[in-house]
């Protein structure tokens, strides 16, 4: 179990790069898109650090099966990452609060 928020930078099985932002309790609160390069993923982390502080960069959505989630977008409206599925809007909104609280202060742990 983690004791601090972190960006967990990883390599996928198909040699792409991605990251998860985890809360203090180790729970994943945001998963990035896949990047072709490590530099791309690191730029994605910087984008989360910048954009997570602005409520307007979060798009609140509902899946076809009634689950709730959010997408964090950059200023150019491109998706940076998305949340896990939540059973309620209040749980989803708590996830957004967690990213706003942790996104700018989380350390990067390079596991590539």
PDB file of N, CA and C in Angstrom:
ATOM      1  N   UNK A   1       0.846  -1.188   0.000  1.00  0.00           N
ATOM      2  CA  UNK A   1       0.000   0.000   0.000  1.00  0.00           C
ATOM      3  C   UNK A   1       0.885   1.244   0.000  1.00  0.00           C
ATOM      4  N   UNK A   2       0.585   2.163  -0.851  1.00  0.00           N
ATOM      5  CA  UNK A   2       1.362   3.397  -0.965  1.00  0.00           C
ATOM      6  C   UNK A   2       1.047   4.316   0.206  1.00  0.00           C
ATOM      7  N   UNK A   3       1.977   5.195   0.520  1.00  0.00           N
ATOM      8  CA  UNK A   3       1.706   6.187   1.557  1.00  0.00           C
ATOM      9  C   UNK A   3       1.766   7.603   1.001  1.00  0.00           C
ATOM     10  N   UNK A   4       1.856   7.712  -0.309  1.00  0.00           N
ATOM     11  CA  UNK A   4       1.856   9.020  -0.960  1.00  0.00           C
ATOM     12  C   UNK A   4       1.317   8.851  -2.379  1.00  0.00           C
ATOM     13  N   UNK A   5       0.712   9.908  -2.916  1.00  0.00           N
ATOM     14  CA  UNK A   5       0.233   9.806  -4.290  1.00  0.00           C
ATOM     15  C   UNK A   5       1.422   9.698  -5.239  1.00  0.00           C
ATOM     16  N   UNK A   6       1.224   8.978  -6.356  1.00  0.00           N
ATOM     17  CA  UNK A   6       2.328   8.855  -7.310  1.00  0.00           C
ATOM     18  C   UNK A   6       1.814   8.609  -8.720  1.00  0.00           C
ATOM     19  N   UNK A   7       2.647   8.981  -9.663  1.00  0.00           N
ATOM     20  CA  UNK A   7       2.463   8.595 -11.049  1.00  0.00           C
ATOM     21  C   UNK A   7       3.313   7.354 -11.249  1.00  0.00           C
ATOM     22  N   UNK A   8       2.682   6.260 -11.594  1.00  0.00           N
ATOM     23  CA  UNK A   8       3.381   4.999 -11.810  1.00  0.00           C
ATOM     24  C   UNK A   8       3.574   4.840 -13.317  1.00  0.00           C
ATOM     25  N   UNK A   9       4.788   5.140 -13.804  1.00  0.00           N
ATOM     26  CA  UNK A   9       5.119   5.092 -15.225  1.00  0.00           C
ATOM     27  C   UNK A   9       5.537   3.676 -15.581  1.00  0.00           C
ATOM     28  N   UNK A  10       4.880   3.091 -16.598  1.00  0.00           N
ATOM     29  CA  UNK A  10       5.085   1.679 -16.927  1.00  0.00           C
ATOM     30  C   UNK A  10       5.233   1.482 -18.436  1.00  0.00           C
ATOM     31  N   UNK A  11       5.684   0.280 -18.784  1.00  0.00           N
ATOM     32  CA  UNK A  11       5.726  -0.160 -20.170  1.00  0.00           C
ATOM     33  C   UNK A  11       4.680  -1.254 -20.331  1.00  0.00           C
ATOM     34  N   UNK A  12       3.891  -1.182 -21.398  1.00  0.00           N
ATOM     35  CA  UNK A  12       2.862  -2.196 -21.652  1.00  0.00           C
ATOM     36  C   UNK A  12       3.473  -3.413 -22.336  1.00  0.00           C
ATOM     37  N   UNK A  13       2.673  -4.454 -22.479  1.00  0.00           N
ATOM     38  CA  UNK A  13       3.153  -5.685 -23.111  1.00  0.00           C
ATOM     39  C   UNK A  13       3.471  -5.488 -24.590  1.00  0.00           C
ATOM     40  N   UNK A  14       2.935  -4.437 -25.205  1.00  0.00           N
ATOM     41  CA  UNK A  14       3.233  -4.174 -26.618  1.00  0.00           C
ATOM     42  C   UNK A  14       4.231  -3.015 -26.772  1.00  0.00           C
ATOM     43  N   UNK A  15       5.065  -2.815 -25.738  1.00  0.00           N
ATOM     44  CA  UNK A  15       6.161  -1.843 -25.757  1.00  0.00           C
ATOM     45  C   UNK A  15       5.716  -0.392 -25.918  1.00  0.00           C
ATOM     46  N   UNK A  16       4.538  -0.086 -25.411  1.00  0.00           N
ATOM     47  CA  UNK A  16       4.084   1.311 -25.346  1.00  0.00           C
ATOM     48  C   UNK A  16       4.246   1.752 -23.889  1.00  0.00           C
ATOM     49  N   UNK A  17       4.092   3.041 -23.672  1.00  0.00           N
ATOM     50  CA  UNK A  17       4.261   3.610 -22.336  1.00  0.00           C
ATOM     51  C   UNK A  17       2.937   4.195 -21.859  1.00  0.00           C
ATOM     52  N   UNK A  18       2.703   4.085 -20.557  1.00  0.00           N
ATOM     53  CA  UNK A  18       1.509   4.657 -19.955  1.00  0.00           C
ATOM     54  C   UNK A  18       1.783   4.909 -18.484  1.00  0.00           C
ATOM     55  N   UNK A  19       0.857   5.579 -17.831  1.00  0.00           N
ATOM     56  CA  UNK A  19       0.996   5.817 -16.402  1.00  0.00           C
ATOM     57  C   UNK A  19      -0.361   5.724 -15.724  1.00  0.00           C
ATOM     58  N   UNK A  20      -0.293   5.400 -14.455  1.00  0.00           N
ATOM     59  CA  UNK A  20      -1.448   5.466 -13.563  1.00  0.00           C
ATOM     60  C   UNK A  20      -1.132   6.506 -12.504  1.00  0.00           C
ATOM     61  N   UNK A  21      -2.121   7.308 -12.158  1.00  0.00           N
ATOM     62  CA  UNK A  21      -2.005   8.184 -11.004  1.00  0.00           C
ATOM     63  C   UNK A  21      -2.711   7.474  -9.868  1.00  0.00           C
ATOM     64  N   UNK A  22      -1.982   7.230  -8.785  1.00  0.00           N
ATOM     65  CA  UNK A  22      -2.568   6.543  -7.638  1.00  0.00           C
ATOM     66  C   UNK A  22      -2.671   7.504  -6.457  1.00  0.00           C
ATOM     67  N   UNK A  23      -3.693   7.294  -5.654  1.00  0.00           N
ATOM     68  CA  UNK A  23      -3.905   8.091  -4.443  1.00  0.00           C
ATOM     69  C   UNK A  23      -2.997   7.571  -3.324  1.00  0.00           C
ATOM     70  N   UNK A  24      -3.042   8.215  -2.179  1.00  0.00           N
ATOM     71  CA  UNK A  24      -2.224   7.815  -1.029  1.00  0.00           C
ATOM     72  C   UNK A  24      -2.453   6.362  -0.630  1.00  0.00           C
ATOM     73  N   UNK A  25      -3.686   5.875  -0.820  1.00  0.00           N
ATOM     74  CA  UNK A  25      -4.012   4.497  -0.433  1.00  0.00           C
ATOM     75  C   UNK A  25      -3.631   3.478  -1.503  1.00  0.00           C
ATOM     76  N   UNK A  26      -3.015   3.932  -2.600  1.00  0.00           N
ATOM     77  CA  UNK A  26      -2.589   3.033  -3.661  1.00  0.00           C
ATOM     78  C   UNK A  26      -3.635   2.776  -4.732  1.00  0.00           C
ATOM     79  N   UNK A  27      -4.839   3.302  -4.558  1.00  0.00           N
ATOM     80  CA  UNK A  27      -5.916   3.098  -5.535  1.00  0.00           C
ATOM     81  C   UNK A  27      -5.652   3.930  -6.786  1.00  0.00           C
ATOM     82  N   UNK A  28      -5.820   3.311  -7.961  1.00  0.00           N
ATOM     83  CA  UNK A  28      -5.651   4.009  -9.232  1.00  0.00           C
ATOM     84  C   UNK A  28      -6.830   4.962  -9.411  1.00  0.00           C
ATOM     85  N   UNK A  29      -6.525   6.239  -9.660  1.00  0.00           N
ATOM     86  CA  UNK A  29      -7.583   7.221  -9.863  1.00  0.00           C
ATOM     87  C   UNK A  29      -7.593   7.780 -11.280  1.00  0.00           C
ATOM     88  N   UNK A  30      -6.532   7.505 -12.061  1.00  0.00           N
ATOM     89  CA  UNK A  30      -6.486   7.951 -13.460  1.00  0.00           C
ATOM     90  C   UNK A  30      -5.508   7.062 -14.217  1.00  0.00           C
ATOM     91  N   UNK A  31      -5.911   6.638 -15.402  1.00  0.00           N
ATOM     92  CA  UNK A  31      -5.044   5.858 -16.288  1.00  0.00           C
ATOM     93  C   UNK A  31      -4.886   6.626 -17.588  1.00  0.00           C
ATOM     94  N   UNK A  32      -3.645   6.724 -18.039  1.00  0.00           N
ATOM     95  CA  UNK A  32      -3.361   7.482 -19.257  1.00  0.00           C
ATOM     96  C   UNK A  32      -3.674   6.672 -20.502  1.00  0.00           C
ATOM     97  N   UNK A  33      -3.589   7.359 -21.610  1.00  0.00           N
ATOM     98  CA  UNK A  33      -3.609   6.718 -22.918  1.00  0.00           C
ATOM     99  C   UNK A  33      -2.262   6.025 -23.109  1.00  0.00           C
ATOM    100  N   UNK A  34      -2.121   5.243 -24.160  1.00  0.00           N
ATOM    101  CA  UNK A  34      -0.847   4.610 -24.505  1.00  0.00           C
ATOM    102  C   UNK A  34      -0.024   5.591 -25.345  1.00  0.00           C
ATOM    103  N   UNK A  35       1.260   5.656 -25.044  1.00  0.00           N
ATOM    104  CA  UNK A  35       2.184   6.532 -25.757  1.00  0.00           C
ATOM    105  C   UNK A  35       3.242   5.687 -26.452  1.00  0.00           C
ATOM    106  N   UNK A  36       3.699   6.138 -27.609  1.00  0.00           N
ATOM    107  CA  UNK A  36       4.732   5.424 -28.350  1.00  0.00           C
ATOM    108  C   UNK A  36       6.118   5.591 -27.745  1.00  0.00           C
ATOM    109  N   UNK A  37       6.313   6.665 -26.975  1.00  0.00           N
ATOM    110  CA  UNK A  37       7.631   6.918 -26.390  1.00  0.00           C
ATOM    111  C   UNK A  37       7.493   7.258 -24.907  1.00  0.00           C
ATOM    112  N   UNK A  38       8.586   7.048 -24.198  1.00  0.00           N
ATOM    113  CA  UNK A  38       8.636   7.417 -22.781  1.00  0.00           C
ATOM    114  C   UNK A  38       8.490   8.926 -22.629  1.00  0.00           C
ATOM    115  N   UNK A  39       9.113   9.687 -23.538  1.00  0.00           N
ATOM    116  CA  UNK A  39       8.982  11.149 -23.496  1.00  0.00           C
ATOM    117  C   UNK A  39       7.520  11.563 -23.605  1.00  0.00           C
ATOM    118  N   UNK A  40       6.773  10.888 -24.476  1.00  0.00           N
ATOM    119  CA  UNK A  40       5.349  11.191 -24.628  1.00  0.00           C
ATOM    120  C   UNK A  40       4.589  10.972 -23.336  1.00  0.00           C
ATOM    121  N   UNK A  41       4.885   9.865 -22.657  1.00  0.00           N
ATOM    122  CA  UNK A  41       4.224   9.573 -21.379  1.00  0.00           C
ATOM    123  C   UNK A  41       4.614  10.599 -20.319  1.00  0.00           C
ATOM    124  N   UNK A  42       5.879  10.989 -20.304  1.00  0.00           N
ATOM    125  CA  UNK A  42       6.318  11.999 -19.336  1.00  0.00           C
ATOM    126  C   UNK A  42       5.655  13.347 -19.615  1.00  0.00           C
ATOM    127  N   UNK A  43       5.458  13.682 -20.873  1.00  0.00           N
ATOM    128  CA  UNK A  43       4.707  14.900 -21.212  1.00  0.00           C
ATOM    129  C   UNK A  43       3.266  14.775 -20.745  1.00  0.00           C
ATOM    130  N   UNK A  44       2.686  13.573 -20.845  1.00  0.00           N
ATOM    131  CA  UNK A  44       1.335  13.335 -20.345  1.00  0.00           C
ATOM    132  C   UNK A  44       1.238  13.581 -18.850  1.00  0.00           C
ATOM    133  N   UNK A  45       2.237  13.148 -18.116  1.00  0.00           N
ATOM    134  CA  UNK A  45       2.264  13.383 -16.661  1.00  0.00           C
ATOM    135  C   UNK A  45       2.293  14.883 -16.381  1.00  0.00           C
ATOM    136  N   UNK A  46       3.141  15.614 -17.097  1.00  0.00           N
ATOM    137  CA  UNK A  46       3.195  17.076 -16.903  1.00  0.00           C
ATOM    138  C   UNK A  46       1.848  17.715 -17.235  1.00  0.00           C
ATOM    139  N   UNK A  47       1.182  17.179 -18.236  1.00  0.00           N
ATOM    140  CA  UNK A  47      -0.135  17.703 -18.601  1.00  0.00           C
ATOM    141  C   UNK A  47      -1.158  17.457 -17.499  1.00  0.00           C
ATOM    142  N   UNK A  48      -1.103  16.286 -16.865  1.00  0.00           N
ATOM    143  CA  UNK A  48      -1.991  16.027 -15.720  1.00  0.00           C
ATOM    144  C   UNK A  48      -1.685  17.005 -14.599  1.00  0.00           C
ATOM    145  N   UNK A  49      -0.408  17.211 -14.319  1.00  0.00           N
ATOM    146  CA  UNK A  49      -0.026  18.121 -13.242  1.00  0.00           C
ATOM    147  C   UNK A  49      -0.588  19.519 -13.481  1.00  0.00           C
ATOM    148  N   UNK A  50      -0.579  19.965 -14.716  1.00  0.00           N
ATOM    149  CA  UNK A  50      -1.082  21.301 -15.049  1.00  0.00           C
ATOM    150  C   UNK A  50      -2.608  21.350 -15.104  1.00  0.00           C
ATOM    151  N   UNK A  51      -3.218  20.416 -15.801  1.00  0.00           N
ATOM    152  CA  UNK A  51      -4.656  20.477 -16.076  1.00  0.00           C
ATOM    153  C   UNK A  51      -5.533  19.971 -14.935  1.00  0.00           C
ATOM    154  N   UNK A  52      -4.975  19.189 -14.034  1.00  0.00           N
ATOM    155  CA  UNK A  52      -5.786  18.633 -12.947  1.00  0.00           C
ATOM    156  C   UNK A  52      -6.255  19.692 -11.964  1.00  0.00           C
ATOM    157  N   UNK A  53      -5.684  20.859 -12.026  1.00  0.00           N
ATOM    158  CA  UNK A  53      -6.044  21.922 -11.088  1.00  0.00           C
ATOM    159  C   UNK A  53      -7.240  22.743 -11.557  1.00  0.00           C
ATOM    160  N   UNK A  54      -7.726  22.467 -12.763  1.00  0.00           N
ATOM    161  CA  UNK A  54      -8.833  23.243 -13.323  1.00  0.00           C
ATOM    162  C   UNK A  54     -10.061  22.358 -13.519  1.00  0.00           C
ATOM    163  N   UNK A  55     -11.115  22.659 -12.798  1.00  0.00           N
ATOM    164  CA  UNK A  55     -12.336  21.847 -12.844  1.00  0.00           C
ATOM    165  C   UNK A  55     -12.892  21.717 -14.257  1.00  0.00           C
ATOM    166  N   UNK A  56     -12.717  22.737 -15.074  1.00  0.00           N
ATOM    167  CA  UNK A  56     -13.250  22.721 -16.425  1.00  0.00           C
ATOM    168  C   UNK A  56     -12.572  21.726 -17.354  1.00  0.00           C
ATOM    169  N   UNK A  57     -11.458  21.146 -16.923  1.00  0.00           N
ATOM    170  CA  UNK A  57     -10.740  20.186 -17.767  1.00  0.00           C
ATOM    171  C   UNK A  57     -11.256  18.754 -17.564  1.00  0.00           C
ATOM    172  N   UNK A  58     -12.194  18.570 -16.646  1.00  0.00           N
ATOM    173  CA  UNK A  58     -12.768  17.252 -16.379  1.00  0.00           C
ATOM    174  C   UNK A  58     -14.109  17.127 -17.087  1.00  0.00           C
ATOM    175  N   UNK A  59     -14.269  16.057 -17.849  1.00  0.00           N
ATOM    176  CA  UNK A  59     -15.540  15.771 -18.495  1.00  0.00           C
ATOM    177  C   UNK A  59     -16.190  14.614 -17.739  1.00  0.00           C
ATOM    178  N   UNK A  60     -17.368  14.856 -17.186  1.00  0.00           N
ATOM    179  CA  UNK A  60     -18.098  13.846 -16.418  1.00  0.00           C
ATOM    180  C   UNK A  60     -19.009  13.076 -17.359  1.00  0.00           C
ATOM    181  N   UNK A  61     -18.883  11.757 -17.357  1.00  0.00           N
ATOM    182  CA  UNK A  61     -19.595  10.919 -18.314  1.00  0.00           C
ATOM    183  C   UNK A  61     -20.288   9.746 -17.636  1.00  0.00           C
ATOM    184  N   UNK A  62     -21.210   9.131 -18.387  1.00  0.00           N
ATOM    185  CA  UNK A  62     -21.899   7.928 -17.925  1.00  0.00           C
ATOM    186  C   UNK A  62     -21.795   6.876 -19.029  1.00  0.00           C
ATOM    187  N   UNK A  63     -21.446   5.656 -18.647  1.00  0.00           N
ATOM    188  CA  UNK A  63     -21.308   4.573 -19.618  1.00  0.00           C
ATOM    189  C   UNK A  63     -22.689   4.024 -19.990  1.00  0.00           C
ATOM    190  N   UNK A  64     -22.714   3.199 -21.002  1.00  0.00           N
ATOM    191  CA  UNK A  64     -23.972   2.600 -21.461  1.00  0.00           C
ATOM    192  C   UNK A  64     -24.660   1.770 -20.382  1.00  0.00           C
ATOM    193  N   UNK A  65     -23.868   1.223 -19.451  1.00  0.00           N
ATOM    194  CA  UNK A  65     -24.459   0.390 -18.401  1.00  0.00           C
ATOM    195  C   UNK A  65     -24.714   1.150 -17.101  1.00  0.00           C
ATOM    196  N   UNK A  66     -24.694   2.496 -17.168  1.00  0.00           N
ATOM    197  CA  UNK A  66     -25.048   3.305 -16.008  1.00  0.00           C
ATOM    198  C   UNK A  66     -23.912   3.594 -15.040  1.00  0.00           C
ATOM    199  N   UNK A  67     -22.703   3.153 -15.353  1.00  0.00           N
ATOM    200  CA  UNK A  67     -21.544   3.465 -14.512  1.00  0.00           C
ATOM    201  C   UNK A  67     -21.098   4.899 -14.813  1.00  0.00           C
ATOM    202  N   UNK A  68     -20.415   5.508 -13.870  1.00  0.00           N
ATOM    203  CA  UNK A  68     -19.980   6.893 -14.008  1.00  0.00           C
ATOM    204  C   UNK A  68     -18.455   6.943 -14.064  1.00  0.00           C
ATOM    205  N   UNK A  69     -17.930   7.853 -14.877  1.00  0.00           N
ATOM    206  CA  UNK A  69     -16.494   8.028 -14.989  1.00  0.00           C
ATOM    207  C   UNK A  69     -16.202   9.440 -15.462  1.00  0.00           C
ATOM    208  N   UNK A  70     -14.915   9.768 -15.514  1.00  0.00           N
ATOM    209  CA  UNK A  70     -14.534  11.086 -16.014  1.00  0.00           C
ATOM    210  C   UNK A  70     -13.306  10.963 -16.893  1.00  0.00           C
ATOM    211  N   UNK A  71     -13.142  11.966 -17.721  1.00  0.00           N
ATOM    212  CA  UNK A  71     -11.984  12.085 -18.594  1.00  0.00           C
ATOM    213  C   UNK A  71     -11.327  13.422 -18.281  1.00  0.00           C
ATOM    214  N   UNK A  72     -10.009  13.399 -18.102  1.00  0.00           N
ATOM    215  CA  UNK A  72      -9.249  14.634 -17.931  1.00  0.00           C
ATOM    216  C   UNK A  72      -8.699  15.021 -19.300  1.00  0.00           C
ATOM    217  N   UNK A  73      -8.967  16.255 -19.694  1.00  0.00           N
ATOM    218  CA  UNK A  73      -8.544  16.722 -21.016  1.00  0.00           C
ATOM    219  C   UNK A  73      -7.562  17.883 -20.879  1.00  0.00           C
ATOM    220  N   UNK A  74      -6.692  17.974 -21.880  1.00  0.00           N
ATOM    221  CA  UNK A  74      -5.752  19.091 -21.966  1.00  0.00           C
ATOM    222  C   UNK A  74      -6.485  20.305 -22.535  1.00  0.00           C
ATOM    223  N   UNK A  75      -5.823  21.430 -22.531  1.00  0.00           N
ATOM    224  CA  UNK A  75      -6.422  22.665 -23.056  1.00  0.00           C
ATOM    225  C   UNK A  75      -6.817  22.534 -24.533  1.00  0.00           C
ATOM    226  N   UNK A  76      -6.119  21.660 -25.278  1.00  0.00           N
ATOM    227  CA  UNK A  76      -6.446  21.449 -26.694  1.00  0.00           C
ATOM    228  C   UNK A  76      -7.568  20.419 -26.870  1.00  0.00           C
ATOM    229  N   UNK A  77      -8.196  20.024 -25.762  1.00  0.00           N
ATOM    230  CA  UNK A  77      -9.334  19.102 -25.714  1.00  0.00           C
ATOM    231  C   UNK A  77      -8.963  17.646 -25.969  1.00  0.00           C
ATOM    232  N   UNK A  78      -7.668  17.323 -26.037  1.00  0.00           N
ATOM    233  CA  UNK A  78      -7.263  15.936 -26.192  1.00  0.00           C
ATOM    234  C   UNK A  78      -7.294  15.248 -24.838  1.00  0.00           C
ATOM    235  N   UNK A  79      -7.698  13.987 -24.854  1.00  0.00           N
ATOM    236  CA  UNK A  79      -7.770  13.213 -23.622  1.00  0.00           C
ATOM    237  C   UNK A  79      -6.373  12.918 -23.102  1.00  0.00           C
ATOM    238  N   UNK A  80      -6.175  13.172 -21.805  1.00  0.00           N
ATOM    239  CA  UNK A  80      -4.920  12.834 -21.136  1.00  0.00           C
ATOM    240  C   UNK A  80      -5.068  11.478 -20.457  1.00  0.00           C
ATOM    241  N   UNK A  81      -6.210  11.288 -19.796  1.00  0.00           N
ATOM    242  CA  UNK A  81      -6.455  10.044 -19.081  1.00  0.00           C
ATOM    243  C   UNK A  81      -7.899   9.955 -18.655  1.00  0.00           C
ATOM    244  N   UNK A  82      -8.259   8.752 -18.184  1.00  0.00           N
ATOM    245  CA  UNK A  82      -9.632   8.560 -17.725  1.00  0.00           C
ATOM    246  C   UNK A  82      -9.642   7.750 -16.438  1.00  0.00           C
ATOM    247  N   UNK A  83     -10.751   7.890 -15.742  1.00  0.00           N
ATOM    248  CA  UNK A  83     -10.896   7.226 -14.447  1.00  0.00           C
ATOM    249  C   UNK A  83     -11.368   5.793 -14.607  1.00  0.00           C
ATOM    250  N   UNK A  84     -11.406   5.124 -13.493  1.00  0.00           N
ATOM    251  CA  UNK A  84     -12.062   3.832 -13.403  1.00  0.00           C
ATOM    252  C   UNK A  84     -13.572   4.098 -13.422  1.00  0.00           C
ATOM    253  N   UNK A  85     -14.364   3.059 -13.460  1.00  0.00           N
ATOM    254  CA  UNK A  85     -15.820   3.206 -13.406  1.00  0.00           C
ATOM    255  C   UNK A  85     -16.274   3.306 -11.947  1.00  0.00           C
ATOM    256  N   UNK A  86     -17.256   4.153 -11.719  1.00  0.00           N
ATOM    257  CA  UNK A  86     -17.829   4.362 -10.387  1.00  0.00           C
ATOM    258  C   UNK A  86     -19.315   4.042 -10.448  1.00  0.00           C
ATOM    259  N   UNK A  87     -19.867   3.602  -9.318  1.00  0.00           N
ATOM    260  CA  UNK A  87     -21.283   3.247  -9.277  1.00  0.00           C
ATOM    261  C   UNK A  87     -22.189   4.445  -9.040  1.00  0.00           C
ATOM    262  N   UNK A  88     -21.616   5.591  -8.629  1.00  0.00           N
ATOM    263  CA  UNK A  88     -22.450   6.765  -8.367  1.00  0.00           C
ATOM    264  C   UNK A  88     -21.729   8.029  -8.821  1.00  0.00           C
ATOM    265  N   UNK A  89     -22.504   9.074  -9.017  1.00  0.00           N
ATOM    266  CA  UNK A  89     -21.905  10.357  -9.400  1.00  0.00           C
ATOM    267  C   UNK A  89     -21.083  10.924  -8.245  1.00  0.00           C
ATOM    268  N   UNK A  90     -21.500  10.687  -7.010  1.00  0.00           N
ATOM    269  CA  UNK A  90     -20.738  11.220  -5.878  1.00  0.00           C
ATOM    270  C   UNK A  90     -19.375  10.533  -5.768  1.00  0.00           C
ATOM    271  N   UNK A  91     -19.308   9.233  -6.037  1.00  0.00           N
ATOM    272  CA  UNK A  91     -18.017   8.534  -6.016  1.00  0.00           C
ATOM    273  C   UNK A  91     -17.123   9.061  -7.143  1.00  0.00           C
ATOM    274  N   UNK A  92     -17.694   9.282  -8.323  1.00  0.00           N
ATOM    275  CA  UNK A  92     -16.941   9.849  -9.438  1.00  0.00           C
ATOM    276  C   UNK A  92     -16.409  11.223  -9.067  1.00  0.00           C
ATOM    277  N   UNK A  93     -17.259  12.049  -8.471  1.00  0.00           N
ATOM    278  CA  UNK A  93     -16.845  13.396  -8.089  1.00  0.00           C
ATOM    279  C   UNK A  93     -15.758  13.359  -7.018  1.00  0.00           C
ATOM    280  N   UNK A  94     -15.794  12.363  -6.136  1.00  0.00           N
ATOM    281  CA  UNK A  94     -14.720  12.183  -5.154  1.00  0.00           C
ATOM    282  C   UNK A  94     -13.409  11.837  -5.863  1.00  0.00           C
ATOM    283  N   UNK A  95     -13.498  11.055  -6.948  1.00  0.00           N
ATOM    284  CA  UNK A  95     -12.316  10.738  -7.742  1.00  0.00           C
ATOM    285  C   UNK A  95     -11.709  11.991  -8.356  1.00  0.00           C
ATOM    286  N   UNK A  96     -12.554  12.872  -8.864  1.00  0.00           N
ATOM    287  CA  UNK A  96     -12.071  14.136  -9.430  1.00  0.00           C
ATOM    288  C   UNK A  96     -11.399  14.970  -8.341  1.00  0.00           C
ATOM    289  N   UNK A  97     -12.027  15.039  -7.167  1.00  0.00           N
ATOM    290  CA  UNK A  97     -11.427  15.776  -6.041  1.00  0.00           C
ATOM    291  C   UNK A  97     -10.045  15.219  -5.710  1.00  0.00           C
ATOM    292  N   UNK A  98      -9.922  13.896  -5.727  1.00  0.00           N
ATOM    293  CA  UNK A  98      -8.651  13.255  -5.418  1.00  0.00           C
ATOM    294  C   UNK A  98      -7.577  13.648  -6.436  1.00  0.00           C
ATOM    295  N   UNK A  99      -7.944  13.693  -7.710  1.00  0.00           N
ATOM    296  CA  UNK A  99      -6.967  14.097  -8.729  1.00  0.00           C
ATOM    297  C   UNK A  99      -6.588  15.561  -8.554  1.00  0.00           C
ATOM    298  N   UNK A 100      -7.561  16.397  -8.232  1.00  0.00           N
ATOM    299  CA  UNK A 100      -7.249  17.808  -8.024  1.00  0.00           C
ATOM    300  C   UNK A 100      -6.322  17.984  -6.822  1.00  0.00           C
ATOM    301  N   UNK A 101      -6.474  17.139  -5.807  1.00  0.00           N
ATOM    302  CA  UNK A 101      -5.630  17.222  -4.613  1.00  0.00           C
ATOM    303  C   UNK A 101      -4.261  16.583  -4.812  1.00  0.00           C
ATOM    304  N   UNK A 102      -4.188  15.539  -5.656  1.00  0.00           N
ATOM    305  CA  UNK A 102      -2.950  14.765  -5.782  1.00  0.00           C
ATOM    306  C   UNK A 102      -2.170  15.011  -7.067  1.00  0.00           C
ATOM    307  N   UNK A 103      -2.834  15.485  -8.112  1.00  0.00           N
ATOM    308  CA  UNK A 103      -2.212  15.581  -9.425  1.00  0.00           C
ATOM    309  C   UNK A 103      -0.974  16.442  -9.487  1.00  0.00           C
ATOM    310  N   UNK A 104      -0.976  17.544  -8.771  1.00  0.00           N
ATOM    311  CA  UNK A 104       0.157  18.462  -8.848  1.00  0.00           C
ATOM    312  C   UNK A 104       1.294  18.087  -7.907  1.00  0.00           C
ATOM    313  N   UNK A 105       1.033  17.237  -6.912  1.00  0.00           N
ATOM    314  CA  UNK A 105       2.049  16.932  -5.904  1.00  0.00           C
ATOM    315  C   UNK A 105       2.573  15.500  -5.978  1.00  0.00           C
ATOM    316  N   UNK A 106       1.966  14.674  -6.795  1.00  0.00           N
ATOM    317  CA  UNK A 106       2.370  13.266  -6.864  1.00  0.00           C
ATOM    318  C   UNK A 106       3.763  13.127  -7.443  1.00  0.00           C
ATOM    319  N   UNK A 107       4.548  12.225  -6.857  1.00  0.00           N
ATOM    320  CA  UNK A 107       5.879  11.923  -7.347  1.00  0.00           C
ATOM    321  C   UNK A 107       5.781  10.965  -8.525  1.00  0.00           C
ATOM    322  N   UNK A 108       6.796  10.946  -9.359  1.00  0.00           N
ATOM    323  CA  UNK A 108       6.847  10.024 -10.490  1.00  0.00           C
ATOM    324  C   UNK A 108       7.714   8.839 -10.101  1.00  0.00           C
ATOM    325  N   UNK A 109       7.165   7.646 -10.244  1.00  0.00           N
ATOM    326  CA  UNK A 109       7.927   6.420 -10.003  1.00  0.00           C
ATOM    327  C   UNK A 109       8.097   5.731 -11.352  1.00  0.00           C
ATOM    328  N   UNK A 110       9.325   5.658 -11.822  1.00  0.00           N
ATOM    329  CA  UNK A 110       9.626   5.100 -13.136  1.00  0.00           C
ATOM    330  C   UNK A 110       9.790   3.591 -13.036  1.00  0.00           C
ATOM    331  N   UNK A 111       8.816   2.850 -13.566  1.00  0.00           N
ATOM    332  CA  UNK A 111       8.866   1.390 -13.563  1.00  0.00           C
ATOM    333  C   UNK A 111       8.973   0.836 -14.983  1.00  0.00           C
ATOM    334  N   UNK A 112       9.621   1.603 -15.862  1.00  0.00           N
ATOM    335  CA  UNK A 112       9.750   1.148 -17.253  1.00  0.00           C
ATOM    336  C   UNK A 112      10.944   0.218 -17.402  1.00  0.00           C
TER     337      UNK A 112
END
